[in-house]
Amino acid sequence: MAYEMRPGQGSLFKNEQKTGDKHPNLKGKIMLPNGEVRWVSAWTKTTTAGEKWISLSVGDLCQQQQPGGGGQAAYVAPAVRAVELDDDIPF
């Protein structure tokens, strides 16, 4: 049986493309209680006292994976509003 995300749950996996400290150690997806699926990233950090802790970041909306689509869900770009430019220069 395939894994099915449920509201309030998510998964993190090791970031195999990490090349620097600013890149997260872990990446994955989380389904919010309202059903939205978002990207989530995690960094392992250390306090000045030497205690390890995890910092989280929840990102943009993900597309729901379609049945039979395979692979990871793609990034969904925010909607872009077209702006009409006026070519007349006022001076």
Protein backbone atom coordinates (compact mmCIF):
# COMPACT_ATOMS: atom_id res chain seq x y z
CA MET A 1 0.00 0.00 0.00
CA ALA A 2 1.37 3.43 -0.97
CA TYR A 3 1.95 6.16 1.60
CA GLU A 4 -0.97 8.57 1.81
CA MET A 5 -0.54 11.99 3.41
CA ARG A 6 -3.10 12.96 6.02
CA PRO A 7 -3.90 16.43 7.38
CA GLY A 8 -1.42 17.47 10.06
CA GLN A 9 1.27 14.99 8.91
CA GLY A 10 4.32 15.10 6.69
CA SER A 11 7.66 13.50 5.88
CA LEU A 12 11.28 14.69 5.77
CA PHE A 13 14.11 13.06 3.84
CA LYS A 14 17.87 13.63 3.74
CA ASN A 15 18.79 16.43 1.32
CA GLU A 16 21.16 14.67 -1.10
CA GLN A 17 21.87 17.96 -2.97
CA LYS A 18 23.12 19.87 0.11
CA THR A 19 26.29 21.76 -0.80
CA GLY A 20 26.45 24.46 1.90
CA ASP A 21 25.35 25.40 5.42
CA LYS A 22 22.47 27.49 4.08
CA HIS A 23 20.92 24.44 2.39
CA PRO A 24 18.61 22.33 4.60
CA ASN A 25 19.72 18.95 5.99
CA LEU A 26 16.22 17.56 5.40
CA LYS A 27 13.46 18.31 2.85
CA GLY A 28 9.93 17.04 2.39
CA LYS A 29 6.25 17.88 2.37
CA ILE A 30 3.59 18.46 5.00
CA MET A 31 -0.19 18.52 4.72
CA LEU A 32 -1.68 21.30 6.82
CA PRO A 33 -4.93 20.67 8.72
CA ASN A 34 -6.83 22.55 5.96
CA GLY A 35 -5.53 20.08 3.32
CA GLU A 36 -2.90 22.34 1.71
CA VAL A 37 0.35 20.52 0.91
CA ARG A 38 3.49 22.62 1.42
CA TRP A 39 7.23 22.13 1.17
CA VAL A 40 9.07 21.84 4.49
CA SER A 41 12.82 22.14 5.15
CA ALA A 42 14.84 21.43 8.30
CA TRP A 43 18.31 22.42 9.49
CA THR A 44 20.21 20.80 12.38
CA LYS A 45 21.70 23.56 14.55
CA THR A 46 23.70 23.72 17.79
CA THR A 47 23.21 26.16 20.70
CA THR A 48 26.18 27.93 22.30
CA ALA A 49 25.86 25.35 25.12
CA GLY A 50 26.37 22.54 22.57
CA GLU A 51 22.76 21.31 22.55
CA LYS A 52 21.44 20.21 19.14
CA TRP A 53 18.08 21.42 17.89
CA ILE A 54 16.14 21.47 14.60
CA SER A 55 14.97 24.62 12.80
CA LEU A 56 11.98 24.26 10.42
CA SER A 57 10.73 26.29 7.49
CA VAL A 58 7.38 25.77 5.74
CA GLY A 59 7.41 26.94 2.12
CA ASP A 60 5.22 27.37 -0.93
CA LEU A 61 2.23 25.25 -1.93
CA CYS A 62 2.89 21.95 -3.71
CA GLN A 63 0.80 20.42 -6.44
CA GLN A 64 -1.00 17.27 -5.42
CA GLN A 65 0.56 14.27 -7.14
CA GLN A 66 -1.79 12.83 -9.72
CA PRO A 67 -2.46 9.07 -9.64
CA GLY A 68 -0.02 7.31 -11.96
CA GLY A 69 2.07 10.49 -12.30
CA GLY A 70 5.08 9.16 -10.40
CA GLY A 71 7.95 11.22 -9.08
CA GLN A 72 7.98 14.19 -6.78
CA ALA A 73 5.36 16.93 -6.94
CA ALA A 74 6.44 20.02 -8.85
CA TYR A 75 6.80 23.53 -7.45
CA VAL A 76 3.77 25.71 -8.04
CA ALA A 77 4.74 29.29 -8.89
CA PRO A 78 2.64 32.05 -7.37
CA ALA A 79 0.10 33.67 -9.69
CA VAL A 80 1.52 36.55 -11.70
CA ARG A 81 -0.63 39.55 -12.55
CA ALA A 82 -0.09 41.11 -15.97
CA VAL A 83 0.76 44.81 -15.85
CA GLU A 84 0.17 47.07 -18.82
CA LEU A 85 3.08 49.45 -19.29
CA ASP A 86 2.65 52.97 -20.68
CA ASP A 87 5.37 53.61 -23.27
CA ASP A 88 4.85 57.39 -23.21
CA ILE A 89 7.59 59.16 -21.29
CA PRO A 90 6.11 62.16 -19.41
CA PHE A 91 9.16 64.43 -19.88
